[in-house]
Amino acid sequence: VVEIKGINYTLQDVIGDKTYNKPSLVVGVFLSFYDPHIIRIPYGGVVRYKQLEPIESTNRPMLAVEKDLLNQAINPDNMDYLKYNERMLVEVYSSLLDYTYYITLIADEDVNVICPFVLGQNKLFSQNQRFALVRWGSQAELILPFDERYDFTLCQQNTWHIEAGIDPLVKVKFN
């Protein structure tokens, strides 16, 4: 089960594939009003992406939630309506690791924009290279299928503020 903006979903629902059955590490990143909404590739590889059906999630009045974030306490009264939010699945294949991982991008309903910088499929991206723009109050899910060749260690604590391209999310150790 993965929580996206206050609603629980199965991993199959999140990535838009009912046949997906791989146990996975999922790291959710909420992009607040104060964050640049540029998505970077966590580990270099060949990128494919596709638009998914919008996902229903709890959209909160952003000003109230931003104040909650600054106070480090979310007020449940600020979580009051459900909307359908644009969604995109990004698949990244790393030939160096012989491994495929995924990123699900979810845009806020009010702006509802996900804009990849490169429109072609199967393009090579370097680690930390900018891939897409996602608008306000959005969320990104990094999905790492477990693989016996690798161990994954989280580098950040839950609820910590991170900076893209600077703060590592996951350390990959070769077994």
N, C-alpha and C. Protein backbone atom coordinates (compact mmCIF):
# COMPACT_ATOMS: atom_id res chain seq x y z
N VAL A 1 0.85 -1.18 0.00
CA VAL A 1 0.00 0.00 0.00
C VAL A 1 0.88 1.23 0.00
N VAL A 2 0.55 2.18 -0.86
CA VAL A 2 1.28 3.44 -0.99
C VAL A 2 0.30 4.57 -0.72
N GLU A 3 0.67 5.51 0.15
CA GLU A 3 -0.19 6.65 0.40
C GLU A 3 0.22 7.81 -0.50
N ILE A 4 -0.77 8.32 -1.23
CA ILE A 4 -0.53 9.48 -2.10
C ILE A 4 -1.52 10.56 -1.71
N LYS A 5 -1.02 11.63 -1.17
CA LYS A 5 -1.84 12.77 -0.78
C LYS A 5 -3.06 12.33 0.04
N GLY A 6 -2.83 11.47 1.02
CA GLY A 6 -3.89 11.10 1.95
C GLY A 6 -4.75 9.93 1.54
N ILE A 7 -4.52 9.33 0.38
CA ILE A 7 -5.31 8.20 -0.09
C ILE A 7 -4.38 7.00 -0.26
N ASN A 8 -4.82 5.81 0.20
CA ASN A 8 -4.02 4.60 0.05
C ASN A 8 -4.31 3.92 -1.28
N TYR A 9 -3.24 3.51 -1.96
CA TYR A 9 -3.34 2.81 -3.24
C TYR A 9 -2.42 1.59 -3.22
N THR A 10 -2.74 0.61 -4.09
CA THR A 10 -1.80 -0.48 -4.30
C THR A 10 -0.71 0.03 -5.24
N LEU A 11 0.42 -0.64 -5.23
CA LEU A 11 1.50 -0.25 -6.13
C LEU A 11 1.07 -0.42 -7.60
N GLN A 12 0.24 -1.43 -7.86
CA GLN A 12 -0.28 -1.62 -9.22
C GLN A 12 -1.08 -0.41 -9.67
N ASP A 13 -1.89 0.15 -8.77
CA ASP A 13 -2.67 1.34 -9.11
C ASP A 13 -1.77 2.55 -9.35
N VAL A 14 -0.73 2.68 -8.54
CA VAL A 14 0.16 3.84 -8.64
C VAL A 14 0.87 3.88 -9.99
N ILE A 15 1.38 2.72 -10.44
CA ILE A 15 2.13 2.72 -11.69
C ILE A 15 1.26 2.38 -12.90
N GLY A 16 -0.03 2.13 -12.67
CA GLY A 16 -0.95 1.89 -13.79
C GLY A 16 -0.75 0.56 -14.49
N ASP A 17 -0.32 -0.46 -13.74
CA ASP A 17 -0.09 -1.78 -14.32
C ASP A 17 -0.61 -2.84 -13.36
N LYS A 18 -1.76 -3.44 -13.69
CA LYS A 18 -2.40 -4.44 -12.81
C LYS A 18 -1.58 -5.72 -12.70
N THR A 19 -0.61 -5.95 -13.61
CA THR A 19 0.20 -7.17 -13.56
C THR A 19 1.49 -7.00 -12.76
N TYR A 20 1.79 -5.77 -12.34
CA TYR A 20 3.04 -5.53 -11.59
C TYR A 20 2.95 -6.27 -10.26
N ASN A 21 3.90 -7.16 -9.99
CA ASN A 21 3.85 -7.95 -8.76
C ASN A 21 5.19 -8.04 -8.05
N LYS A 22 6.07 -7.06 -8.29
CA LYS A 22 7.40 -7.10 -7.69
C LYS A 22 7.40 -6.36 -6.35
N PRO A 23 7.84 -7.00 -5.28
CA PRO A 23 8.01 -6.25 -4.04
C PRO A 23 9.00 -5.11 -4.31
N SER A 24 8.70 -3.92 -3.79
CA SER A 24 9.49 -2.74 -4.14
C SER A 24 9.65 -1.81 -2.96
N LEU A 25 10.75 -1.07 -2.98
CA LEU A 25 10.94 0.04 -2.07
C LEU A 25 10.34 1.26 -2.75
N VAL A 26 9.45 1.97 -2.05
CA VAL A 26 8.80 3.16 -2.62
C VAL A 26 9.15 4.35 -1.73
N VAL A 27 9.72 5.38 -2.36
CA VAL A 27 10.08 6.61 -1.65
C VAL A 27 9.22 7.73 -2.23
N GLY A 28 8.37 8.31 -1.40
CA GLY A 28 7.50 9.40 -1.84
C GLY A 28 8.11 10.75 -1.51
N VAL A 29 8.06 11.66 -2.47
CA VAL A 29 8.57 13.01 -2.26
C VAL A 29 7.45 13.99 -2.60
N PHE A 30 7.00 14.75 -1.60
CA PHE A 30 5.99 15.79 -1.80
C PHE A 30 6.70 17.09 -2.11
N LEU A 31 6.28 17.74 -3.18
CA LEU A 31 6.89 19.00 -3.59
C LEU A 31 6.02 20.14 -3.08
N SER A 32 6.54 20.88 -2.14
CA SER A 32 5.76 21.98 -1.56
C SER A 32 5.87 23.23 -2.44
N PHE A 33 5.10 24.22 -2.09
CA PHE A 33 5.09 25.50 -2.81
C PHE A 33 6.50 26.12 -2.83
N TYR A 34 7.31 25.82 -1.82
CA TYR A 34 8.64 26.42 -1.69
C TYR A 34 9.71 25.69 -2.50
N ASP A 35 9.39 24.55 -3.08
CA ASP A 35 10.37 23.75 -3.80
C ASP A 35 10.34 24.03 -5.29
N PRO A 36 11.52 23.99 -5.95
CA PRO A 36 11.51 23.97 -7.41
C PRO A 36 10.87 22.65 -7.84
N HIS A 37 10.10 22.67 -8.87
CA HIS A 37 9.39 21.46 -9.28
C HIS A 37 10.04 20.82 -10.50
N ILE A 38 11.35 20.76 -10.47
CA ILE A 38 12.12 20.13 -11.54
C ILE A 38 12.47 18.72 -11.07
N ILE A 39 12.13 17.73 -11.88
CA ILE A 39 12.41 16.34 -11.54
C ILE A 39 13.72 15.94 -12.22
N ARG A 40 14.61 15.37 -11.42
CA ARG A 40 15.91 14.91 -11.92
C ARG A 40 15.95 13.38 -11.92
N ILE A 41 16.74 12.83 -12.81
CA ILE A 41 16.89 11.38 -12.89
C ILE A 41 17.81 10.92 -11.76
N PRO A 42 17.32 10.04 -10.87
CA PRO A 42 18.14 9.61 -9.71
C PRO A 42 19.39 8.82 -10.08
N TYR A 43 19.28 7.96 -11.11
CA TYR A 43 20.43 7.17 -11.55
C TYR A 43 20.32 7.07 -13.07
N GLY A 44 21.39 7.35 -13.76
CA GLY A 44 21.37 7.46 -15.22
C GLY A 44 20.86 6.22 -15.92
N GLY A 45 20.23 6.44 -17.07
CA GLY A 45 19.73 5.33 -17.88
C GLY A 45 18.87 5.81 -19.02
N VAL A 46 18.30 4.85 -19.73
CA VAL A 46 17.42 5.13 -20.85
C VAL A 46 16.01 5.33 -20.31
N VAL A 47 15.39 6.44 -20.72
CA VAL A 47 14.10 6.84 -20.15
C VAL A 47 12.98 6.67 -21.16
N ARG A 48 11.90 6.04 -20.68
CA ARG A 48 10.63 5.99 -21.40
C ARG A 48 9.57 6.49 -20.45
N TYR A 49 8.55 7.10 -20.98
CA TYR A 49 7.48 7.58 -20.10
C TYR A 49 6.15 7.47 -20.81
N LYS A 50 5.09 7.46 -20.00
CA LYS A 50 3.74 7.44 -20.56
C LYS A 50 2.79 8.13 -19.61
N GLN A 51 1.81 8.79 -20.20
CA GLN A 51 0.75 9.41 -19.41
C GLN A 51 -0.13 8.30 -18.87
N LEU A 52 -0.55 8.43 -17.63
CA LEU A 52 -1.48 7.50 -17.01
C LEU A 52 -2.80 8.21 -16.77
N GLU A 53 -3.82 7.43 -16.48
CA GLU A 53 -5.10 8.03 -16.09
C GLU A 53 -4.88 8.87 -14.83
N PRO A 54 -5.60 9.98 -14.71
CA PRO A 54 -5.47 10.77 -13.48
C PRO A 54 -5.79 9.92 -12.26
N ILE A 55 -5.18 10.28 -11.14
CA ILE A 55 -5.39 9.53 -9.89
C ILE A 55 -6.15 10.43 -8.92
N GLU A 56 -7.09 9.83 -8.20
CA GLU A 56 -7.84 10.60 -7.21
C GLU A 56 -6.98 10.74 -5.96
N SER A 57 -6.83 11.95 -5.49
CA SER A 57 -6.06 12.17 -4.27
C SER A 57 -6.61 13.37 -3.53
N THR A 58 -6.18 13.52 -2.32
CA THR A 58 -6.66 14.62 -1.49
C THR A 58 -5.85 15.86 -1.82
N ASN A 59 -6.50 16.85 -2.38
CA ASN A 59 -5.84 18.13 -2.61
C ASN A 59 -6.19 19.04 -1.45
N ARG A 60 -5.21 19.65 -0.90
CA ARG A 60 -5.41 20.52 0.26
C ARG A 60 -5.28 21.97 -0.18
N PRO A 61 -5.99 22.88 0.51
CA PRO A 61 -5.75 24.29 0.22
C PRO A 61 -4.27 24.58 0.46
N MET A 62 -3.53 24.95 -0.55
CA MET A 62 -2.07 25.01 -0.47
C MET A 62 -1.55 26.00 0.56
N LEU A 63 -2.16 27.15 0.71
CA LEU A 63 -1.65 28.11 1.68
C LEU A 63 -1.69 27.53 3.10
N ALA A 64 -2.78 26.88 3.46
CA ALA A 64 -2.90 26.29 4.78
C ALA A 64 -1.89 25.16 4.97
N VAL A 65 -1.71 24.34 3.95
CA VAL A 65 -0.75 23.24 4.07
C VAL A 65 0.68 23.77 4.16
N GLU A 66 1.00 24.80 3.39
CA GLU A 66 2.35 25.37 3.46
C GLU A 66 2.63 25.89 4.88
N LYS A 67 1.65 26.52 5.50
CA LYS A 67 1.82 26.97 6.88
C LYS A 67 2.01 25.78 7.81
N ASP A 68 1.24 24.70 7.56
CA ASP A 68 1.40 23.49 8.36
C ASP A 68 2.81 22.92 8.22
N LEU A 69 3.33 22.92 6.99
CA LEU A 69 4.69 22.40 6.77
C LEU A 69 5.72 23.23 7.52
N LEU A 70 5.55 24.54 7.52
CA LEU A 70 6.47 25.40 8.25
C LEU A 70 6.39 25.17 9.74
N ASN A 71 5.19 24.85 10.23
CA ASN A 71 5.00 24.57 11.66
C ASN A 71 5.31 23.11 11.99
N GLN A 72 5.61 22.30 10.99
CA GLN A 72 5.95 20.89 11.12
C GLN A 72 4.82 20.09 11.77
N ALA A 73 3.58 20.46 11.48
CA ALA A 73 2.42 19.72 11.96
C ALA A 73 1.28 19.91 10.96
N ILE A 74 0.79 18.80 10.42
CA ILE A 74 -0.31 18.86 9.45
C ILE A 74 -1.64 18.87 10.20
N ASN A 75 -2.46 19.84 9.90
CA ASN A 75 -3.79 19.97 10.50
C ASN A 75 -4.78 19.19 9.64
N PRO A 76 -5.43 18.15 10.19
CA PRO A 76 -6.38 17.36 9.38
C PRO A 76 -7.52 18.19 8.80
N ASP A 77 -7.84 19.32 9.41
CA ASP A 77 -8.91 20.17 8.89
C ASP A 77 -8.52 20.81 7.55
N ASN A 78 -7.23 20.78 7.21
CA ASN A 78 -6.77 21.36 5.95
C ASN A 78 -6.79 20.35 4.80
N MET A 79 -7.29 19.14 5.06
CA MET A 79 -7.34 18.10 4.04
C MET A 79 -8.80 17.86 3.67
N ASP A 80 -9.35 18.72 2.84
CA ASP A 80 -10.79 18.65 2.72
C ASP A 80 -11.39 18.29 1.38
N TYR A 81 -10.67 18.08 0.33
CA TYR A 81 -11.38 17.71 -0.88
C TYR A 81 -10.55 16.80 -1.77
N LEU A 82 -11.25 15.96 -2.52
CA LEU A 82 -10.62 15.01 -3.43
C LEU A 82 -10.70 15.54 -4.85
N LYS A 83 -9.64 15.34 -5.60
CA LYS A 83 -9.58 15.75 -7.00
C LYS A 83 -8.87 14.68 -7.80
N TYR A 84 -8.99 14.75 -9.10
CA TYR A 84 -8.23 13.86 -9.98
C TYR A 84 -7.01 14.60 -10.48
N ASN A 85 -5.85 14.00 -10.29
CA ASN A 85 -4.59 14.66 -10.59
C ASN A 85 -3.86 13.96 -11.74
N GLU A 86 -3.33 14.76 -12.67
CA GLU A 86 -2.57 14.22 -13.80
C GLU A 86 -1.43 13.37 -13.27
N ARG A 87 -1.10 12.33 -14.03
CA ARG A 87 -0.08 11.39 -13.58
C ARG A 87 0.73 10.89 -14.78
N MET A 88 2.03 10.65 -14.54
CA MET A 88 2.92 10.13 -15.58
C MET A 88 3.83 9.07 -14.96
N LEU A 89 4.05 7.99 -15.69
CA LEU A 89 4.99 6.95 -15.26
C LEU A 89 6.27 7.10 -16.07
N VAL A 90 7.39 7.18 -15.37
CA VAL A 90 8.71 7.26 -15.99
C VAL A 90 9.42 5.95 -15.70
N GLU A 91 9.86 5.27 -16.73
CA GLU A 91 10.61 4.02 -16.59
C GLU A 91 12.05 4.29 -16.98
N VAL A 92 12.99 3.92 -16.10
CA VAL A 92 14.41 4.17 -16.36
C VAL A 92 15.14 2.83 -16.33
N TYR A 93 15.81 2.50 -17.45
CA TYR A 93 16.62 1.29 -17.51
C TYR A 93 18.09 1.69 -17.49
N SER A 94 18.82 1.18 -16.47
CA SER A 94 20.25 1.43 -16.38
C SER A 94 20.99 0.21 -16.90
N SER A 95 21.70 0.37 -18.02
CA SER A 95 22.47 -0.75 -18.56
C SER A 95 23.66 -1.08 -17.66
N LEU A 96 24.19 -0.07 -16.96
CA LEU A 96 25.30 -0.31 -16.05
C LEU A 96 24.90 -1.27 -14.93
N LEU A 97 23.67 -1.12 -14.42
CA LEU A 97 23.17 -2.00 -13.36
C LEU A 97 22.35 -3.17 -13.90
N ASP A 98 21.98 -3.14 -15.19
CA ASP A 98 21.02 -4.07 -15.77
C ASP A 98 19.78 -4.11 -14.88
N TYR A 99 19.20 -2.94 -14.69
CA TYR A 99 18.12 -2.78 -13.70
C TYR A 99 17.15 -1.70 -14.19
N THR A 100 15.87 -1.93 -13.95
CA THR A 100 14.83 -0.96 -14.30
C THR A 100 14.15 -0.48 -13.03
N TYR A 101 14.01 0.84 -12.91
CA TYR A 101 13.24 1.42 -11.80
C TYR A 101 12.25 2.42 -12.38
N TYR A 102 11.37 2.92 -11.52
CA TYR A 102 10.26 3.75 -11.98
C TYR A 102 10.12 5.01 -11.13
N ILE A 103 9.55 6.03 -11.75
CA ILE A 103 9.18 7.25 -11.04
C ILE A 103 7.76 7.58 -11.49
N THR A 104 6.88 7.78 -10.54
CA THR A 104 5.53 8.22 -10.87
C THR A 104 5.44 9.69 -10.48
N LEU A 105 5.03 10.52 -11.43
CA LEU A 105 4.87 11.95 -11.19
C LEU A 105 3.39 12.25 -11.10
N ILE A 106 2.99 13.02 -10.08
CA ILE A 106 1.59 13.36 -9.87
C ILE A 106 1.50 14.87 -9.70
N ALA A 107 0.74 15.51 -10.59
CA ALA A 107 0.61 16.96 -10.56
C ALA A 107 -0.56 17.38 -9.69
N ASP A 108 -0.48 18.55 -9.11
CA ASP A 108 -1.58 19.12 -8.34
C ASP A 108 -2.73 19.45 -9.28
N GLU A 109 -3.94 19.23 -8.83
CA GLU A 109 -5.13 19.42 -9.66
C GLU A 109 -5.29 20.85 -10.13
N ASP A 110 -4.93 21.82 -9.30
CA ASP A 110 -5.16 23.22 -9.66
C ASP A 110 -4.35 23.64 -10.88
N VAL A 111 -3.15 23.11 -11.02
CA VAL A 111 -2.30 23.48 -12.15
C VAL A 111 -2.28 22.34 -13.17
N ASN A 112 -2.13 21.10 -12.66
CA ASN A 112 -2.28 19.89 -13.46
C ASN A 112 -1.36 19.86 -14.68
N VAL A 113 -0.07 20.07 -14.45
CA VAL A 113 0.89 20.08 -15.56
C VAL A 113 2.09 19.20 -15.23
N ILE A 114 2.36 18.25 -16.11
CA ILE A 114 3.61 17.50 -16.09
C ILE A 114 4.21 17.69 -17.48
N CYS A 115 5.41 18.24 -17.52
CA CYS A 115 6.01 18.60 -18.80
C CYS A 115 7.41 18.02 -18.89
N PRO A 116 7.58 16.90 -19.64
CA PRO A 116 8.94 16.39 -19.85
C PRO A 116 9.73 17.35 -20.72
N PHE A 117 11.02 17.50 -20.44
CA PHE A 117 11.87 18.41 -21.20
C PHE A 117 12.26 17.83 -22.56
N VAL A 118 12.31 16.50 -22.65
CA VAL A 118 12.64 15.83 -23.91
C VAL A 118 11.43 15.00 -24.29
N LEU A 119 10.87 15.26 -25.46
CA LEU A 119 9.63 14.60 -25.83
C LEU A 119 9.82 13.21 -26.41
N GLY A 120 11.02 12.87 -26.87
CA GLY A 120 11.26 11.55 -27.45
C GLY A 120 11.37 10.46 -26.41
N GLN A 121 11.10 9.23 -26.84
CA GLN A 121 11.22 8.06 -25.97
C GLN A 121 12.61 7.44 -26.11
N ASN A 122 12.98 6.62 -25.13
CA ASN A 122 14.24 5.87 -25.14
C ASN A 122 15.46 6.77 -25.27
N LYS A 123 15.42 7.89 -24.57
CA LYS A 123 16.54 8.83 -24.55
C LYS A 123 17.42 8.55 -23.34
N LEU A 124 18.72 8.73 -23.50
CA LEU A 124 19.67 8.51 -22.42
C LEU A 124 19.76 9.76 -21.55
N PHE A 125 19.62 9.58 -20.24
CA PHE A 125 19.76 10.67 -19.28
C PHE A 125 20.85 10.31 -18.28
N SER A 126 21.63 11.31 -17.89
CA SER A 126 22.66 11.14 -16.87
C SER A 126 22.05 11.30 -15.48
N GLN A 127 22.76 10.78 -14.49
CA GLN A 127 22.31 10.98 -13.11
C GLN A 127 22.22 12.47 -12.82
N ASN A 128 21.15 12.88 -12.17
CA ASN A 128 20.85 14.27 -11.79
C ASN A 128 20.45 15.16 -12.97
N GLN A 129 20.39 14.63 -14.17
CA GLN A 129 19.95 15.45 -15.29
C GLN A 129 18.47 15.77 -15.14
N ARG A 130 18.10 16.99 -15.49
CA ARG A 130 16.71 17.42 -15.39
C ARG A 130 15.88 16.69 -16.44
N PHE A 131 14.74 16.13 -15.97
CA PHE A 131 13.88 15.38 -16.88
C PHE A 131 12.55 16.07 -17.15
N ALA A 132 11.90 16.59 -16.09
CA ALA A 132 10.56 17.12 -16.27
C ALA A 132 10.26 18.21 -15.26
N LEU A 133 9.20 18.94 -15.57
CA LEU A 133 8.65 19.94 -14.68
C LEU A 133 7.28 19.43 -14.22
N VAL A 134 7.05 19.46 -12.90
CA VAL A 134 5.76 19.07 -12.33
C VAL A 134 5.29 20.24 -11.49
N ARG A 135 4.02 20.60 -11.60
CA ARG A 135 3.56 21.84 -10.97
C ARG A 135 2.98 21.64 -9.58
N TRP A 136 3.14 22.62 -8.79
CA TRP A 136 2.71 22.93 -7.42
C TRP A 136 2.01 21.82 -6.64
N GLY A 137 2.44 21.62 -5.41
CA GLY A 137 1.78 20.69 -4.51
C GLY A 137 1.79 19.28 -5.04
N SER A 138 2.77 18.96 -5.84
CA SER A 138 2.82 17.69 -6.53
C SER A 138 3.59 16.66 -5.74
N GLN A 139 3.62 15.45 -6.26
CA GLN A 139 4.30 14.37 -5.58
C GLN A 139 5.01 13.51 -6.61
N ALA A 140 6.15 12.96 -6.22
CA ALA A 140 6.88 12.01 -7.04
C ALA A 140 7.12 10.76 -6.21
N GLU A 141 6.93 9.60 -6.81
CA GLU A 141 7.18 8.33 -6.15
C GLU A 141 8.34 7.64 -6.86
N LEU A 142 9.43 7.36 -6.14
CA LEU A 142 10.54 6.58 -6.67
C LEU A 142 10.26 5.13 -6.31
N ILE A 143 10.19 4.26 -7.30
CA ILE A 143 9.83 2.86 -7.09
C ILE A 143 11.01 1.99 -7.51
N LEU A 144 11.60 1.31 -6.52
CA LEU A 144 12.78 0.46 -6.76
C LEU A 144 12.38 -0.99 -6.50
N PRO A 145 12.18 -1.79 -7.57
CA PRO A 145 11.89 -3.20 -7.36
C PRO A 145 13.06 -3.89 -6.66
N PHE A 146 12.76 -4.69 -5.65
CA PHE A 146 13.83 -5.40 -4.96
C PHE A 146 14.49 -6.38 -5.92
N ASP A 147 15.80 -6.52 -5.77
CA ASP A 147 16.61 -7.35 -6.64
C ASP A 147 17.70 -7.96 -5.77
N GLU A 148 17.89 -9.27 -5.84
CA GLU A 148 18.86 -9.95 -4.98
C GLU A 148 20.29 -9.47 -5.22
N ARG A 149 20.54 -8.82 -6.34
CA ARG A 149 21.89 -8.32 -6.63
C ARG A 149 22.23 -7.05 -5.86
N TYR A 150 21.20 -6.36 -5.33
CA TYR A 150 21.41 -5.06 -4.71
C TYR A 150 20.71 -4.95 -3.36
N ASP A 151 21.33 -4.18 -2.47
CA ASP A 151 20.70 -3.77 -1.23
C ASP A 151 20.45 -2.28 -1.32
N PHE A 152 19.29 -1.83 -0.86
CA PHE A 152 18.93 -0.42 -0.85
C PHE A 152 18.87 0.08 0.58
N THR A 153 19.51 1.21 0.83
CA THR A 153 19.48 1.83 2.15
C THR A 153 18.97 3.26 2.00
N LEU A 154 17.92 3.60 2.75
CA LEU A 154 17.39 4.96 2.71
C LEU A 154 18.41 5.91 3.32
N CYS A 155 18.60 7.05 2.69
CA CYS A 155 19.58 8.04 3.16
C CYS A 155 18.93 9.19 3.93
N GLN A 156 17.61 9.31 3.87
CA GLN A 156 16.92 10.43 4.51
C GLN A 156 15.88 9.90 5.50
N GLN A 157 15.57 10.71 6.49
CA GLN A 157 14.53 10.38 7.46
C GLN A 157 13.17 10.78 6.90
N ASN A 158 12.13 10.10 7.37
CA ASN A 158 10.77 10.45 7.00
C ASN A 158 10.49 11.91 7.39
N THR A 159 9.86 12.65 6.53
CA THR A 159 9.46 14.06 6.69
C THR A 159 10.60 15.06 6.56
N TRP A 160 11.80 14.62 6.23
CA TRP A 160 12.90 15.58 6.05
C TRP A 160 12.74 16.32 4.73
N HIS A 161 13.17 17.56 4.73
CA HIS A 161 13.19 18.34 3.50
C HIS A 161 14.49 18.02 2.77
N ILE A 162 14.40 17.73 1.47
CA ILE A 162 15.58 17.38 0.69
C ILE A 162 15.72 18.33 -0.49
N GLU A 163 16.91 18.38 -1.05
CA GLU A 163 17.16 19.19 -2.24
C GLU A 163 17.57 18.27 -3.39
N ALA A 164 16.83 18.36 -4.49
CA ALA A 164 17.10 17.52 -5.66
C ALA A 164 18.51 17.78 -6.18
N GLY A 165 19.18 16.70 -6.52
CA GLY A 165 20.52 16.83 -7.08
C GLY A 165 21.60 17.00 -6.02
N ILE A 166 21.19 17.19 -4.76
CA ILE A 166 22.16 17.38 -3.68
C ILE A 166 22.03 16.28 -2.63
N ASP A 167 20.81 16.05 -2.15
CA ASP A 167 20.58 15.07 -1.09
C ASP A 167 20.25 13.71 -1.69
N PRO A 168 21.06 12.68 -1.41
CA PRO A 168 20.75 11.35 -1.94
C PRO A 168 19.52 10.77 -1.23
N LEU A 169 18.71 10.03 -1.96
CA LEU A 169 17.55 9.38 -1.37
C LEU A 169 17.85 7.95 -0.93
N VAL A 170 18.55 7.21 -1.81
CA VAL A 170 18.80 5.80 -1.57
C VAL A 170 20.24 5.48 -1.95
N LYS A 171 20.89 4.68 -1.12
CA LYS A 171 22.23 4.17 -1.44
C LYS A 171 22.05 2.75 -1.98
N VAL A 172 22.68 2.48 -3.12
CA VAL A 172 22.60 1.16 -3.75
C VAL A 172 23.92 0.45 -3.49
N LYS A 173 23.85 -0.71 -2.84
CA LYS A 173 25.05 -1.51 -2.55
C LYS A 173 24.98 -2.80 -3.36
N PHE A 174 26.06 -3.10 -4.07
CA PHE A 174 26.13 -4.34 -4.85
C PHE A 174 26.39 -5.51 -3.92
N ASN A 175 25.63 -6.58 -4.05
CA ASN A 175 25.86 -7.79 -3.23
C ASN A 175 26.94 -8.65 -3.87
